[in-house]
Amino acid sequence: MTFISAALFLYIGFVAGLEGISNSALYNGSVTAFTWGARFVGVGLVVIGALSAARIAAVAYLDVLVSFVAAAGCLAVGLIWLLYGDMQGLLVLLFGALNGSALSAAWTRAQWLRRTG
């Protein structure tokens, strides 16, 4: 699932070509932030997937960071888009919720790693 999520974020970040075309600097900035955030998260997920496949336990800490950026970014952008009448914000909010779930799982793994060394 990590690589599927990475593919989705990489598509949004590098292929989708999202562009803010409103008169609002906040809305347009959120589109730019979403695109750059998707790039960061997509690359991060590829690294996490590779390190996980190599059985490197400390990847759990990187997973917490990337999951947090993904969840917080999607939730913030989704809200902004909805405030400006862009109903695609609902889909972005769903991405935020899914990444919030991933954050919870990553946090649990990181806490387990910290306790067990």
Protein backbone atom coordinates (compact mmCIF):
# COMPACT_ATOMS: atom_id res chain seq x y z
CA MET A 1 0.00 0.00 0.00
CA THR A 2 2.93 2.34 0.62
CA PHE A 3 3.94 2.22 -3.03
CA ILE A 4 0.35 2.68 -4.23
CA SER A 5 0.02 5.76 -2.04
CA ALA A 6 3.41 6.97 -3.28
CA ALA A 7 2.25 6.59 -6.89
CA LEU A 8 -0.87 8.66 -6.17
CA PHE A 9 1.11 11.44 -4.51
CA LEU A 10 3.79 11.41 -7.24
CA TYR A 11 1.09 11.63 -9.90
CA ILE A 12 -0.48 14.64 -8.17
CA GLY A 13 2.90 16.28 -7.61
CA PHE A 14 4.55 15.71 -10.98
CA VAL A 15 1.89 14.84 -13.57
CA ALA A 16 -1.52 16.29 -12.68
CA GLY A 17 -0.46 19.87 -13.40
CA LEU A 18 -2.72 21.44 -10.78
CA GLU A 19 -2.82 25.20 -11.07
CA GLY A 20 -4.59 27.80 -8.96
CA ILE A 21 -6.48 30.17 -11.25
CA SER A 22 -8.59 32.17 -8.82
CA ASN A 23 -8.22 35.77 -7.68
CA SER A 24 -7.31 34.52 -4.20
CA ALA A 25 -3.67 34.30 -3.24
CA LEU A 26 -4.62 31.90 -0.42
CA TYR A 27 -6.41 29.49 -2.76
CA ASN A 28 -3.70 29.66 -5.42
CA GLY A 29 -1.03 29.20 -2.75
CA SER A 30 -2.84 26.16 -1.40
CA VAL A 31 -2.76 24.57 -4.85
CA THR A 32 0.98 25.20 -5.08
CA ALA A 33 1.50 23.89 -1.54
CA PHE A 34 -0.55 20.79 -2.35
CA THR A 35 1.56 20.08 -5.44
CA TRP A 36 4.88 20.50 -3.61
CA GLY A 37 3.59 18.60 -0.58
CA ALA A 38 2.55 15.72 -2.85
CA ARG A 39 6.07 15.64 -4.28
CA PHE A 40 7.64 15.52 -0.81
CA VAL A 41 5.23 12.87 0.44
CA GLY A 42 5.49 10.76 -2.73
CA VAL A 43 9.27 10.65 -2.63
CA GLY A 44 9.17 10.06 1.14
CA LEU A 45 6.82 7.12 0.69
CA VAL A 46 9.10 5.54 -1.92
CA VAL A 47 12.00 5.82 0.55
CA ILE A 48 9.85 4.44 3.39
CA GLY A 49 8.72 1.53 1.23
CA ALA A 50 12.28 0.69 0.21
CA LEU A 51 13.62 0.91 3.78
CA SER A 52 10.68 -1.15 5.05
CA ALA A 53 11.36 -3.81 2.43
CA ALA A 54 14.97 -3.85 3.66
CA ARG A 55 13.63 -4.42 7.20
CA ILE A 56 15.15 -1.23 8.62
CA ALA A 57 13.08 -0.64 11.75
CA ALA A 58 14.06 3.00 12.27
CA VAL A 59 12.07 3.90 9.15
CA ALA A 60 9.09 4.18 11.53
CA TYR A 61 10.30 7.65 12.58
CA LEU A 62 10.45 8.85 8.96
CA ASP A 63 7.01 7.34 8.45
CA VAL A 64 5.64 9.48 11.31
CA LEU A 65 7.04 12.64 9.71
CA VAL A 66 5.81 11.90 6.20
CA SER A 67 2.39 10.76 7.42
CA PHE A 68 2.02 13.91 9.50
CA VAL A 69 2.90 16.16 6.55
CA ALA A 70 0.48 14.24 4.33
CA ALA A 71 -2.42 14.31 6.81
CA ALA A 72 -2.00 17.92 7.95
CA GLY A 73 -1.37 19.19 4.44
CA CYS A 74 -4.38 17.43 2.95
CA LEU A 75 -6.68 18.55 5.75
CA ALA A 76 -5.56 22.18 5.49
CA VAL A 77 -5.73 22.29 1.70
CA GLY A 78 -9.08 20.49 1.64
CA LEU A 79 -10.59 23.04 4.00
CA ILE A 80 -9.24 25.96 1.98
CA TRP A 81 -10.59 24.52 -1.24
CA LEU A 82 -14.02 23.98 0.28
CA LEU A 83 -14.05 27.53 1.65
CA TYR A 84 -13.48 28.77 -1.89
CA GLY A 85 -16.20 26.54 -3.35
CA ASP A 86 -13.91 23.91 -4.86
CA MET A 87 -15.70 20.66 -4.15
CA GLN A 88 -12.54 18.67 -4.87
CA GLY A 89 -11.67 19.73 -1.33
CA LEU A 90 -13.90 16.86 -0.15
CA LEU A 91 -11.63 14.36 -1.89
CA VAL A 92 -8.54 16.04 -0.43
CA LEU A 93 -10.14 15.88 3.04
CA LEU A 94 -10.65 12.13 2.53
CA PHE A 95 -6.96 11.83 1.64
CA GLY A 96 -6.23 13.70 4.86
CA ALA A 97 -8.34 11.28 6.88
CA LEU A 98 -6.64 8.26 5.29
CA ASN A 99 -3.24 9.74 5.98
CA GLY A 100 -4.34 10.48 9.55
CA SER A 101 -4.95 6.76 9.91
CA ALA A 102 -1.50 6.07 8.48
CA LEU A 103 -0.06 8.58 10.95
CA SER A 104 -1.70 6.75 13.84
CA ALA A 105 -0.25 3.43 12.70
CA ALA A 106 3.20 4.96 12.14
CA TRP A 107 3.11 6.55 15.60
CA THR A 108 2.23 3.20 17.17
CA ARG A 109 5.14 1.51 15.34
CA ALA A 110 7.55 4.27 16.37
CA GLN A 111 6.47 4.01 20.02
CA TRP A 112 6.90 0.23 19.92
CA LEU A 113 10.37 0.67 18.40
CA ARG A 114 11.32 3.17 21.10
CA ARG A 115 10.19 0.78 23.87
CA THR A 116 11.85 -2.30 22.41
CA GLY A 117 15.01 -0.60 21.20
